[in-house]
Amino acid sequence: MSHASGNRKSKIENGDAVELWWMPVGAGTPRLQQLSLRGWEAFEAWRTRRTRAVLYHCALKLRPGEGEQFTLELAPAFIRDGVAPLASGPVGLRFAGRWRLFRYELKCLPVDRLPDEQWAVDSPIAVSDDPAVARQLIALAPTVPTHTWGRRVRGTHEMWTSDSVVPWLLTRAGIATAGLGPLPGGRAPGWQAGLDLAHRQA
């Protein structure tokens, strides 16, 4: 089994692999939505007395066997694609999760491209060249905690987001995550929460 920690822009000779991808949050969305995200980050930077950062979100590409390829990431539940989710949780407030509009879903899609892949930054990052690791991540996916998106997880200092799931999965699979986080000057709210919770559960 071969794991790579922080091996950015690496080419994987073997098609069976696990790749981590980073994309700017809001890339490809309407300008108003992008402005609202920048406004939120500006407020958070002011509130916590730090420099503004570029917001990123991450996803995984998995190749569990020859000719097989999947993408694994969270998306709003109201986006219908005919694929059953591996896990689902509420957004904002737990009681609001009874409505589809306020739910997120973890999907493992049999496709070879991410929806916003064209805006990816410093990607892909080679995580493993062992297809068994990809199969392990797919097997772990249904056990991902379904905390409320946007709310702080007890025992951590960050809110739970789509960026919490990937580090949780990698850590639970025994993959070193040092160097795999967002780029310098960037931020992925929830990444540390996923790490902290996975280590605590281990």
N, C-alpha and C. Protein backbone atom coordinates (compact mmCIF):
# COMPACT_ATOMS: atom_id res chain seq x y z
N MET A 1 0.85 -1.19 0.00
CA MET A 1 0.00 0.00 0.00
C MET A 1 0.89 1.23 0.00
N SER A 2 0.56 2.18 -0.87
CA SER A 2 1.38 3.37 -0.97
C SER A 2 0.53 4.60 -0.71
N HIS A 3 0.92 5.38 0.28
CA HIS A 3 0.21 6.61 0.60
C HIS A 3 1.14 7.78 0.33
N ALA A 4 0.59 8.83 -0.22
CA ALA A 4 1.37 10.04 -0.44
C ALA A 4 0.79 11.15 0.40
N SER A 5 1.63 11.86 1.15
CA SER A 5 1.16 12.95 1.99
C SER A 5 1.64 14.27 1.41
N GLY A 6 0.70 15.08 0.92
CA GLY A 6 1.05 16.38 0.38
C GLY A 6 1.73 16.29 -0.97
N ASN A 7 1.51 15.23 -1.73
CA ASN A 7 2.15 15.06 -3.02
C ASN A 7 1.34 15.79 -4.08
N ARG A 8 1.45 17.12 -4.11
CA ARG A 8 0.61 17.92 -4.99
C ARG A 8 1.09 17.86 -6.43
N LYS A 9 0.11 17.97 -7.33
CA LYS A 9 0.35 17.95 -8.76
C LYS A 9 1.08 16.70 -9.21
N SER A 10 0.92 15.63 -8.50
CA SER A 10 1.62 14.40 -8.85
C SER A 10 0.82 13.61 -9.85
N LYS A 11 1.51 13.02 -10.81
CA LYS A 11 0.86 12.17 -11.80
C LYS A 11 0.91 10.73 -11.31
N ILE A 12 -0.20 10.05 -11.40
CA ILE A 12 -0.28 8.68 -10.92
C ILE A 12 -0.17 7.76 -12.12
N GLU A 13 0.86 6.97 -12.15
CA GLU A 13 1.08 6.07 -13.27
C GLU A 13 -0.02 5.00 -13.33
N ASN A 14 -0.39 4.50 -12.16
CA ASN A 14 -1.42 3.47 -12.07
C ASN A 14 -2.78 4.15 -12.05
N GLY A 15 -3.72 3.66 -12.87
CA GLY A 15 -5.04 4.27 -12.89
C GLY A 15 -5.83 4.03 -11.63
N ASP A 16 -5.46 3.01 -10.85
CA ASP A 16 -6.16 2.72 -9.60
C ASP A 16 -5.57 3.61 -8.52
N ALA A 17 -6.34 4.58 -8.02
CA ALA A 17 -5.76 5.55 -7.11
C ALA A 17 -6.83 6.30 -6.33
N VAL A 18 -6.36 7.05 -5.37
CA VAL A 18 -7.20 8.01 -4.64
C VAL A 18 -6.59 9.38 -4.87
N GLU A 19 -7.41 10.30 -5.36
CA GLU A 19 -6.96 11.67 -5.61
C GLU A 19 -7.78 12.65 -4.80
N LEU A 20 -7.12 13.66 -4.27
CA LEU A 20 -7.79 14.76 -3.57
C LEU A 20 -7.77 15.98 -4.48
N TRP A 21 -8.93 16.61 -4.60
CA TRP A 21 -9.05 17.80 -5.45
C TRP A 21 -9.52 18.98 -4.60
N TRP A 22 -8.96 20.16 -4.90
CA TRP A 22 -9.35 21.40 -4.23
C TRP A 22 -9.90 22.38 -5.26
N MET A 23 -11.08 22.95 -4.98
CA MET A 23 -11.71 23.93 -5.84
C MET A 23 -12.14 25.15 -5.02
N PRO A 24 -12.04 26.36 -5.58
CA PRO A 24 -12.53 27.54 -4.87
C PRO A 24 -14.02 27.43 -4.62
N VAL A 25 -14.45 27.77 -3.43
CA VAL A 25 -15.88 27.75 -3.12
C VAL A 25 -16.61 28.77 -3.98
N GLY A 26 -17.68 28.34 -4.61
CA GLY A 26 -18.48 29.25 -5.42
C GLY A 26 -18.03 29.39 -6.86
N ALA A 27 -16.97 28.68 -7.25
CA ALA A 27 -16.49 28.80 -8.62
C ALA A 27 -17.58 28.36 -9.60
N GLY A 28 -17.81 29.18 -10.61
CA GLY A 28 -18.81 28.84 -11.61
C GLY A 28 -20.23 29.21 -11.23
N THR A 29 -20.44 29.78 -10.04
CA THR A 29 -21.77 30.17 -9.60
C THR A 29 -22.03 31.63 -9.99
N PRO A 30 -23.29 32.10 -9.90
CA PRO A 30 -23.58 33.50 -10.21
C PRO A 30 -22.74 34.47 -9.38
N ARG A 31 -22.46 35.62 -9.95
CA ARG A 31 -21.59 36.60 -9.30
C ARG A 31 -22.13 37.01 -7.93
N LEU A 32 -23.45 37.11 -7.80
CA LEU A 32 -24.03 37.51 -6.52
C LEU A 32 -23.68 36.51 -5.43
N GLN A 33 -23.74 35.23 -5.76
CA GLN A 33 -23.39 34.20 -4.79
C GLN A 33 -21.92 34.28 -4.41
N GLN A 34 -21.06 34.54 -5.38
CA GLN A 34 -19.63 34.66 -5.10
C GLN A 34 -19.36 35.87 -4.19
N LEU A 35 -20.07 36.96 -4.45
CA LEU A 35 -19.90 38.15 -3.61
C LEU A 35 -20.36 37.91 -2.18
N SER A 36 -21.45 37.14 -2.02
CA SER A 36 -21.94 36.86 -0.67
C SER A 36 -20.93 35.99 0.10
N LEU A 37 -20.29 35.06 -0.59
CA LEU A 37 -19.28 34.22 0.05
C LEU A 37 -18.07 35.06 0.47
N ARG A 38 -17.66 35.96 -0.39
CA ARG A 38 -16.53 36.84 -0.05
C ARG A 38 -16.89 37.75 1.12
N GLY A 39 -18.14 38.20 1.13
CA GLY A 39 -18.59 39.04 2.24
C GLY A 39 -18.57 38.28 3.55
N TRP A 40 -19.01 37.01 3.52
CA TRP A 40 -18.99 36.19 4.73
C TRP A 40 -17.57 35.98 5.22
N GLU A 41 -16.64 35.70 4.30
CA GLU A 41 -15.24 35.51 4.69
C GLU A 41 -14.64 36.79 5.24
N ALA A 42 -15.00 37.93 4.65
CA ALA A 42 -14.50 39.22 5.14
C ALA A 42 -14.99 39.45 6.57
N PHE A 43 -16.27 39.14 6.84
CA PHE A 43 -16.80 39.30 8.19
C PHE A 43 -16.10 38.38 9.17
N GLU A 44 -15.91 37.11 8.79
CA GLU A 44 -15.23 36.15 9.66
C GLU A 44 -13.80 36.58 9.94
N ALA A 45 -13.12 37.10 8.94
CA ALA A 45 -11.74 37.57 9.13
C ALA A 45 -11.71 38.74 10.11
N TRP A 46 -12.68 39.65 9.97
CA TRP A 46 -12.75 40.78 10.89
C TRP A 46 -13.08 40.30 12.31
N ARG A 47 -14.02 39.36 12.41
CA ARG A 47 -14.46 38.88 13.72
C ARG A 47 -13.34 38.17 14.47
N THR A 48 -12.54 37.42 13.76
CA THR A 48 -11.47 36.64 14.40
C THR A 48 -10.10 37.32 14.31
N ARG A 49 -10.10 38.53 13.75
CA ARG A 49 -8.88 39.34 13.67
C ARG A 49 -7.75 38.61 12.93
N ARG A 50 -8.06 38.19 11.74
CA ARG A 50 -7.07 37.53 10.90
C ARG A 50 -7.17 38.07 9.48
N THR A 51 -6.22 37.69 8.64
CA THR A 51 -6.22 38.11 7.25
C THR A 51 -7.26 37.34 6.46
N ARG A 52 -7.89 37.99 5.51
CA ARG A 52 -8.85 37.30 4.65
C ARG A 52 -8.17 36.17 3.89
N ALA A 53 -8.92 35.14 3.59
CA ALA A 53 -8.38 33.98 2.88
C ALA A 53 -9.31 33.59 1.73
N VAL A 54 -8.79 32.83 0.81
CA VAL A 54 -9.60 32.26 -0.26
C VAL A 54 -10.25 30.98 0.28
N LEU A 55 -11.55 30.84 0.07
CA LEU A 55 -12.26 29.66 0.56
C LEU A 55 -12.19 28.54 -0.47
N TYR A 56 -11.89 27.34 0.01
CA TYR A 56 -11.81 26.17 -0.86
C TYR A 56 -12.70 25.05 -0.33
N HIS A 57 -13.10 24.17 -1.24
CA HIS A 57 -13.76 22.94 -0.82
C HIS A 57 -13.09 21.78 -1.55
N CYS A 58 -13.20 20.59 -0.98
CA CYS A 58 -12.46 19.45 -1.52
C CYS A 58 -13.39 18.30 -1.87
N ALA A 59 -12.86 17.39 -2.67
CA ALA A 59 -13.58 16.18 -3.07
C ALA A 59 -12.56 15.11 -3.40
N LEU A 60 -13.03 13.88 -3.48
CA LEU A 60 -12.15 12.75 -3.79
C LEU A 60 -12.55 12.11 -5.11
N LYS A 61 -11.52 11.64 -5.83
CA LYS A 61 -11.73 10.76 -6.97
C LYS A 61 -11.18 9.40 -6.57
N LEU A 62 -11.98 8.38 -6.80
CA LEU A 62 -11.62 7.04 -6.36
C LEU A 62 -11.63 6.08 -7.55
N ARG A 63 -10.59 5.29 -7.63
CA ARG A 63 -10.51 4.25 -8.66
C ARG A 63 -10.30 2.90 -7.96
N PRO A 64 -11.38 2.23 -7.59
CA PRO A 64 -11.27 1.00 -6.80
C PRO A 64 -10.89 -0.23 -7.61
N GLY A 65 -10.90 -0.13 -8.92
CA GLY A 65 -10.54 -1.26 -9.75
C GLY A 65 -10.39 -0.83 -11.18
N GLU A 66 -9.84 -1.68 -12.00
CA GLU A 66 -9.59 -1.34 -13.39
C GLU A 66 -10.89 -0.99 -14.11
N GLY A 67 -10.89 0.17 -14.74
CA GLY A 67 -12.08 0.60 -15.46
C GLY A 67 -13.14 1.25 -14.61
N GLU A 68 -12.94 1.31 -13.30
CA GLU A 68 -13.92 1.92 -12.40
C GLU A 68 -13.41 3.27 -11.91
N GLN A 69 -14.28 4.25 -11.89
CA GLN A 69 -13.92 5.55 -11.34
C GLN A 69 -15.15 6.21 -10.74
N PHE A 70 -14.97 6.80 -9.56
CA PHE A 70 -16.06 7.45 -8.84
C PHE A 70 -15.58 8.80 -8.30
N THR A 71 -16.52 9.70 -8.10
CA THR A 71 -16.24 10.93 -7.35
C THR A 71 -17.03 10.86 -6.05
N LEU A 72 -16.44 11.38 -5.00
CA LEU A 72 -17.07 11.34 -3.67
C LEU A 72 -17.06 12.74 -3.09
N GLU A 73 -18.24 13.33 -2.91
CA GLU A 73 -18.33 14.66 -2.31
C GLU A 73 -19.76 14.90 -1.82
N LEU A 74 -19.89 15.96 -1.02
CA LEU A 74 -21.20 16.34 -0.51
C LEU A 74 -21.85 17.35 -1.44
N ALA A 75 -23.17 17.29 -1.51
CA ALA A 75 -23.94 18.21 -2.35
C ALA A 75 -25.31 18.42 -1.72
N PRO A 76 -26.00 19.52 -2.06
CA PRO A 76 -27.36 19.73 -1.56
C PRO A 76 -28.28 18.59 -1.98
N ALA A 77 -29.17 18.19 -1.10
CA ALA A 77 -30.06 17.06 -1.37
C ALA A 77 -31.07 17.36 -2.46
N PHE A 78 -31.35 18.66 -2.71
CA PHE A 78 -32.37 18.98 -3.72
C PHE A 78 -31.85 18.79 -5.15
N ILE A 79 -30.54 18.55 -5.30
CA ILE A 79 -30.00 18.24 -6.63
C ILE A 79 -30.20 16.75 -6.87
N ARG A 80 -31.12 16.40 -7.75
CA ARG A 80 -31.47 15.00 -7.98
C ARG A 80 -30.67 14.45 -9.16
N ASP A 81 -30.08 13.27 -8.95
CA ASP A 81 -29.30 12.64 -10.02
C ASP A 81 -29.59 11.15 -10.14
N GLY A 82 -30.55 10.66 -9.36
CA GLY A 82 -30.93 9.26 -9.45
C GLY A 82 -30.02 8.30 -8.70
N VAL A 83 -29.01 8.84 -8.01
CA VAL A 83 -28.09 7.99 -7.25
C VAL A 83 -28.43 8.10 -5.77
N ALA A 84 -28.60 6.96 -5.12
CA ALA A 84 -28.93 6.97 -3.69
C ALA A 84 -27.75 7.49 -2.88
N PRO A 85 -27.99 8.36 -1.90
CA PRO A 85 -26.89 8.88 -1.08
C PRO A 85 -26.34 7.82 -0.12
N LEU A 86 -25.06 7.96 0.21
CA LEU A 86 -24.45 7.08 1.19
C LEU A 86 -24.73 7.57 2.61
N ALA A 87 -24.94 8.86 2.74
CA ALA A 87 -25.26 9.47 4.04
C ALA A 87 -25.95 10.79 3.78
N SER A 88 -26.71 11.26 4.76
CA SER A 88 -27.43 12.52 4.61
C SER A 88 -27.59 13.18 5.96
N GLY A 89 -27.55 14.51 5.98
CA GLY A 89 -27.69 15.23 7.23
C GLY A 89 -28.33 16.59 7.02
N PRO A 90 -28.69 17.28 8.11
CA PRO A 90 -29.36 18.57 8.02
C PRO A 90 -28.40 19.73 7.78
N VAL A 91 -28.94 20.81 7.29
CA VAL A 91 -28.19 22.05 7.05
C VAL A 91 -28.74 23.14 7.94
N GLY A 92 -27.86 23.81 8.67
CA GLY A 92 -28.26 24.96 9.48
C GLY A 92 -28.82 24.59 10.84
N LEU A 93 -29.99 23.96 10.86
CA LEU A 93 -30.64 23.54 12.09
C LEU A 93 -31.10 22.10 11.93
N ARG A 94 -30.91 21.29 12.98
CA ARG A 94 -31.22 19.87 12.84
C ARG A 94 -32.69 19.64 12.48
N PHE A 95 -33.60 20.39 13.09
CA PHE A 95 -35.02 20.14 12.81
C PHE A 95 -35.38 20.51 11.38
N ALA A 96 -34.58 21.42 10.74
CA ALA A 96 -34.87 21.82 9.37
C ALA A 96 -34.58 20.70 8.38
N GLY A 97 -33.82 19.69 8.82
CA GLY A 97 -33.46 18.60 7.94
C GLY A 97 -34.62 17.74 7.49
N ARG A 98 -35.80 17.96 8.05
CA ARG A 98 -36.98 17.19 7.62
C ARG A 98 -37.41 17.61 6.21
N TRP A 99 -36.94 18.79 5.76
CA TRP A 99 -37.23 19.26 4.41
C TRP A 99 -36.01 19.08 3.53
N ARG A 100 -36.23 18.59 2.33
CA ARG A 100 -35.14 18.28 1.42
C ARG A 100 -34.27 19.50 1.11
N LEU A 101 -34.89 20.67 1.11
CA LEU A 101 -34.14 21.89 0.81
C LEU A 101 -33.03 22.15 1.82
N PHE A 102 -33.21 21.61 3.04
CA PHE A 102 -32.23 21.85 4.10
C PHE A 102 -31.50 20.57 4.50
N ARG A 103 -31.16 19.78 3.49
CA ARG A 103 -30.39 18.57 3.73
C ARG A 103 -29.22 18.50 2.75
N TYR A 104 -28.15 17.87 3.19
CA TYR A 104 -27.02 17.58 2.31
C TYR A 104 -26.91 16.07 2.17
N GLU A 105 -26.25 15.64 1.09
CA GLU A 105 -26.07 14.21 0.84
C GLU A 105 -24.63 13.92 0.42
N LEU A 106 -24.13 12.80 0.89
CA LEU A 106 -22.82 12.31 0.45
C LEU A 106 -23.06 11.33 -0.68
N LYS A 107 -22.51 11.65 -1.86
CA LYS A 107 -22.75 10.83 -3.03
C LYS A 107 -21.44 10.24 -3.56
N CYS A 108 -21.53 9.00 -4.01
CA CYS A 108 -20.44 8.33 -4.71
C CYS A 108 -20.94 8.12 -6.13
N LEU A 109 -20.51 8.98 -7.04
CA LEU A 109 -21.05 8.98 -8.39
C LEU A 109 -20.11 8.29 -9.37
N PRO A 110 -20.63 7.46 -10.26
CA PRO A 110 -19.80 6.75 -11.23
C PRO A 110 -19.45 7.63 -12.43
N VAL A 111 -18.76 8.74 -12.16
CA VAL A 111 -18.37 9.68 -13.21
C VAL A 111 -16.88 9.95 -13.08
N ASP A 112 -16.30 10.57 -14.11
CA ASP A 112 -14.86 10.81 -14.07
C ASP A 112 -14.50 12.28 -13.88
N ARG A 113 -15.52 13.15 -13.74
CA ARG A 113 -15.23 14.57 -13.53
C ARG A 113 -16.11 15.13 -12.41
N LEU A 114 -15.53 16.07 -11.67
CA LEU A 114 -16.27 16.80 -10.65
C LEU A 114 -16.99 17.97 -11.31
N PRO A 115 -18.11 18.42 -10.77
CA PRO A 115 -18.88 19.49 -11.40
C PRO A 115 -18.08 20.77 -11.63
N ASP A 116 -17.19 21.10 -10.69
CA ASP A 116 -16.40 22.34 -10.80
C ASP A 116 -14.91 22.06 -10.99
N GLU A 117 -14.61 20.93 -11.58
CA GLU A 117 -13.21 20.52 -11.74
C GLU A 117 -12.39 21.49 -12.58
N GLN A 118 -13.03 22.16 -13.52
CA GLN A 118 -12.29 23.07 -14.40
C GLN A 118 -11.66 24.24 -13.63
N TRP A 119 -12.14 24.50 -12.42
CA TRP A 119 -11.58 25.58 -11.61
C TRP A 119 -10.63 25.05 -10.52
N ALA A 120 -10.30 23.78 -10.58
CA ALA A 120 -9.45 23.18 -9.54
C ALA A 120 -8.11 23.90 -9.44
N VAL A 121 -7.59 23.95 -8.22
CA VAL A 121 -6.33 24.62 -7.94
C VAL A 121 -5.34 23.61 -7.37
N ASP A 122 -4.15 23.57 -7.97
CA ASP A 122 -3.08 22.72 -7.46
C ASP A 122 -3.55 21.28 -7.25
N SER A 123 -4.25 20.75 -8.22
CA SER A 123 -4.83 19.42 -8.12
C SER A 123 -4.59 18.67 -9.43
N PRO A 124 -4.65 17.33 -9.39
CA PRO A 124 -4.99 16.48 -8.24
C PRO A 124 -3.79 16.25 -7.32
N ILE A 125 -4.11 15.88 -6.10
CA ILE A 125 -3.10 15.48 -5.13
C ILE A 125 -3.18 13.97 -4.98
N ALA A 126 -2.09 13.27 -5.26
CA ALA A 126 -2.07 11.82 -5.14
C ALA A 126 -2.08 11.43 -3.67
N VAL A 127 -3.08 10.67 -3.27
CA VAL A 127 -3.20 10.21 -1.89
C VAL A 127 -2.73 8.76 -1.76
N SER A 128 -3.12 7.93 -2.72
CA SER A 128 -2.71 6.53 -2.69
C SER A 128 -2.77 5.94 -4.09
N ASP A 129 -1.89 5.01 -4.39
CA ASP A 129 -1.94 4.32 -5.68
C ASP A 129 -2.47 2.89 -5.52
N ASP A 130 -3.07 2.61 -4.36
CA ASP A 130 -3.57 1.27 -4.06
C ASP A 130 -5.09 1.24 -4.20
N PRO A 131 -5.64 0.47 -5.12
CA PRO A 131 -7.10 0.41 -5.27
C PRO A 131 -7.82 -0.08 -4.02
N ALA A 132 -7.11 -0.83 -3.18
CA ALA A 132 -7.73 -1.31 -1.94
C ALA A 132 -8.08 -0.14 -1.02
N VAL A 133 -7.28 0.94 -1.09
CA VAL A 133 -7.56 2.12 -0.28
C VAL A 133 -8.83 2.80 -0.79
N ALA A 134 -9.00 2.85 -2.09
CA ALA A 134 -10.22 3.42 -2.66
C ALA A 134 -11.43 2.62 -2.22
N ARG A 135 -11.31 1.30 -2.24
CA ARG A 135 -12.43 0.46 -1.80
C ARG A 135 -12.72 0.66 -0.32
N GLN A 136 -11.66 0.86 0.47
CA GLN A 136 -11.85 1.09 1.90
C GLN A 136 -12.60 2.41 2.15
N LEU A 137 -12.26 3.45 1.41
CA LEU A 137 -12.92 4.74 1.57
C LEU A 137 -14.40 4.65 1.19
N ILE A 138 -14.70 3.91 0.13
CA ILE A 138 -16.10 3.73 -0.27
C ILE A 138 -16.86 2.97 0.81
N ALA A 139 -16.21 1.98 1.41
CA ALA A 139 -16.86 1.19 2.47
C ALA A 139 -17.08 2.04 3.72
N LEU A 140 -16.19 2.97 3.99
CA LEU A 140 -16.30 3.83 5.17
C LEU A 140 -17.34 4.93 4.99
N ALA A 141 -17.58 5.33 3.75
CA ALA A 141 -18.43 6.50 3.48
C ALA A 141 -19.80 6.45 4.17
N PRO A 142 -20.51 5.31 4.19
CA PRO A 142 -21.82 5.30 4.85
C PRO A 142 -21.76 5.53 6.36
N THR A 143 -20.57 5.44 6.95
CA THR A 143 -20.43 5.63 8.40
C THR A 143 -20.02 7.06 8.77
N VAL A 144 -19.93 7.93 7.76
CA VAL A 144 -19.56 9.33 8.03
C VAL A 144 -20.56 9.96 9.00
N PRO A 145 -20.09 10.69 10.01
CA PRO A 145 -21.03 11.38 10.92
C PRO A 145 -21.89 12.37 10.14
N THR A 146 -23.14 12.46 10.50
CA THR A 146 -24.06 13.36 9.79
C THR A 146 -24.43 14.53 10.71
N HIS A 147 -23.41 15.24 11.14
CA HIS A 147 -23.65 16.42 11.98
C HIS A 147 -24.31 17.52 11.15
N THR A 148 -24.87 18.49 11.83
CA THR A 148 -25.54 19.59 11.14
C THR A 148 -24.52 20.48 10.45
N TRP A 149 -24.70 20.63 9.14
CA TRP A 149 -23.79 21.47 8.34
C TRP A 149 -23.93 22.92 8.81
N GLY A 150 -22.77 23.52 9.12
CA GLY A 150 -22.76 24.91 9.55
C GLY A 150 -22.81 25.10 11.05
N ARG A 151 -22.88 24.01 11.81
CA ARG A 151 -22.90 24.09 13.28
C ARG A 151 -21.64 23.45 13.85
N ARG A 152 -21.14 24.02 14.92
CA ARG A 152 -19.93 23.50 15.54
C ARG A 152 -20.19 22.14 16.15
N VAL A 153 -19.24 21.24 15.92
CA VAL A 153 -19.33 19.89 16.48
C VAL A 153 -18.76 19.90 17.89
N ARG A 154 -19.49 19.32 18.83
CA ARG A 154 -19.03 19.28 20.22
C ARG A 154 -17.65 18.62 20.30
N GLY A 155 -16.75 19.26 21.01
CA GLY A 155 -15.40 18.72 21.15
C GLY A 155 -14.44 19.24 20.11
N THR A 156 -14.92 20.06 19.17
CA THR A 156 -14.05 20.67 18.16
C THR A 156 -14.24 22.19 18.21
N HIS A 157 -13.44 22.89 17.42
CA HIS A 157 -13.53 24.35 17.41
C HIS A 157 -14.03 24.88 16.07
N GLU A 158 -14.57 23.99 15.25
CA GLU A 158 -15.05 24.41 13.93
C GLU A 158 -16.43 23.84 13.66
N MET A 159 -17.10 24.46 12.69
CA MET A 159 -18.38 23.94 12.26
C MET A 159 -18.17 22.75 11.32
N TRP A 160 -19.21 21.92 11.20
CA TRP A 160 -19.18 20.77 10.31
C TRP A 160 -19.61 21.21 8.92
N THR A 161 -18.81 20.87 7.91
CA THR A 161 -19.11 21.26 6.53
C THR A 161 -18.76 20.12 5.59
N SER A 162 -18.89 20.38 4.30
CA SER A 162 -18.48 19.39 3.30
C SER A 162 -16.99 19.10 3.41
N ASP A 163 -16.23 20.08 3.88
CA ASP A 163 -14.78 19.89 4.02
C ASP A 163 -14.41 19.10 5.28
N SER A 164 -15.38 18.71 6.08
CA SER A 164 -15.11 17.88 7.25
C SER A 164 -15.08 16.39 6.87
N VAL A 165 -15.86 16.04 5.86
CA VAL A 165 -16.04 14.63 5.52
C VAL A 165 -14.77 14.00 4.96
N VAL A 166 -14.08 14.69 4.05
CA VAL A 166 -12.89 14.13 3.42
C VAL A 166 -11.78 13.84 4.45
N PRO A 167 -11.40 14.80 5.30
CA PRO A 167 -10.37 14.47 6.29
C PRO A 167 -10.80 13.40 7.28
N TRP A 168 -12.12 13.35 7.59
CA TRP A 168 -12.60 12.29 8.47
C TRP A 168 -12.38 10.93 7.82
N LEU A 169 -12.75 10.81 6.56
CA LEU A 169 -12.58 9.54 5.84
C LEU A 169 -11.11 9.15 5.73
N LEU A 170 -10.27 10.10 5.33
CA LEU A 170 -8.85 9.79 5.14
C LEU A 170 -8.22 9.34 6.45
N THR A 171 -8.54 10.05 7.53
CA THR A 171 -7.97 9.71 8.84
C THR A 171 -8.45 8.34 9.30
N ARG A 172 -9.74 8.06 9.14
CA ARG A 172 -10.27 6.77 9.57
C ARG A 172 -9.71 5.62 8.73
N ALA A 173 -9.27 5.93 7.51
CA ALA A 173 -8.66 4.92 6.66
C ALA A 173 -7.17 4.76 6.93
N GLY A 174 -6.65 5.53 7.88
CA GLY A 174 -5.24 5.42 8.24
C GLY A 174 -4.31 6.17 7.32
N ILE A 175 -4.82 7.15 6.60
CA ILE A 175 -4.01 7.93 5.66
C ILE A 175 -3.53 9.20 6.33
N ALA A 176 -2.24 9.47 6.24
CA ALA A 176 -1.67 10.69 6.81
C ALA A 176 -2.18 11.89 6.03
N THR A 177 -2.65 12.91 6.73
CA THR A 177 -3.23 14.08 6.08
C THR A 177 -2.34 15.31 6.12
N ALA A 178 -1.17 15.19 6.74
CA ALA A 178 -0.24 16.34 6.79
C ALA A 178 0.11 16.77 5.37
N GLY A 179 -0.06 18.04 5.09
CA GLY A 179 0.26 18.56 3.78
C GLY A 179 -0.84 18.44 2.76
N LEU A 180 -1.97 17.84 3.13
CA LEU A 180 -3.08 17.66 2.19
C LEU A 180 -4.11 18.78 2.28
N GLY A 181 -3.99 19.64 3.26
CA GLY A 181 -4.98 20.69 3.48
C GLY A 181 -4.96 21.76 2.41
N PRO A 182 -5.77 22.81 2.59
CA PRO A 182 -5.87 23.87 1.58
C PRO A 182 -4.56 24.59 1.39
N LEU A 183 -4.44 25.28 0.28
CA LEU A 183 -3.22 26.00 -0.08
C LEU A 183 -2.92 27.12 0.92
N PRO A 184 -1.65 27.53 1.03
CA PRO A 184 -1.33 28.70 1.85
C PRO A 184 -2.14 29.90 1.39
N GLY A 185 -2.69 30.62 2.35
CA GLY A 185 -3.54 31.75 2.02
C GLY A 185 -4.98 31.34 1.76
N GLY A 186 -5.24 30.04 1.86
CA GLY A 186 -6.60 29.54 1.66
C GLY A 186 -7.15 28.95 2.94
N ARG A 187 -8.45 28.73 2.95
CA ARG A 187 -9.11 28.20 4.14
C ARG A 187 -10.20 27.25 3.72
N ALA A 188 -10.35 26.17 4.46
CA ALA A 188 -11.43 25.20 4.22
C ALA A 188 -12.15 25.00 5.54
N PRO A 189 -13.13 25.85 5.85
CA PRO A 189 -13.85 25.72 7.12
C PRO A 189 -14.41 24.31 7.30
N GLY A 190 -14.09 23.70 8.44
CA GLY A 190 -14.57 22.36 8.71
C GLY A 190 -13.51 21.28 8.55
N TRP A 191 -12.43 21.57 7.85
CA TRP A 191 -11.37 20.57 7.64
C TRP A 191 -10.83 20.07 8.98
N GLN A 192 -10.50 21.01 9.87
CA GLN A 192 -9.93 20.62 11.16
C GLN A 192 -10.95 19.88 12.01
N ALA A 193 -12.23 20.24 11.90
CA ALA A 193 -13.27 19.54 12.66
C ALA A 193 -13.31 18.07 12.27
N GLY A 194 -13.18 17.79 10.97
CA GLY A 194 -13.17 16.40 10.52
C GLY A 194 -11.99 15.64 11.06
N LEU A 195 -10.83 16.27 11.06
CA LEU A 195 -9.63 15.65 11.61
C LEU A 195 -9.79 15.37 13.10
N ASP A 196 -10.22 16.38 13.84
CA ASP A 196 -10.35 16.25 15.29
C ASP A 196 -11.33 15.15 15.66
N LEU A 197 -12.46 15.11 14.98
CA LEU A 197 -13.47 14.12 15.32
C LEU A 197 -12.98 12.71 14.98
N ALA A 198 -12.31 12.55 13.86
CA ALA A 198 -11.80 11.23 13.47
C ALA A 198 -10.77 10.73 14.47
N HIS A 199 -9.87 11.61 14.89
CA HIS A 199 -8.85 11.21 15.87
C HIS A 199 -9.50 10.86 17.21
N ARG A 200 -10.53 11.63 17.58
CA ARG A 200 -11.19 11.37 18.86
C ARG A 200 -11.92 10.04 18.83
N GLN A 201 -12.56 9.73 17.73
CA GLN A 201 -13.29 8.47 17.61
C GLN A 201 -12.34 7.28 17.54
N ALA A 202 -11.17 7.51 16.94
CA ALA A 202 -10.19 6.42 16.87
C ALA A 202 -9.68 6.04 18.24
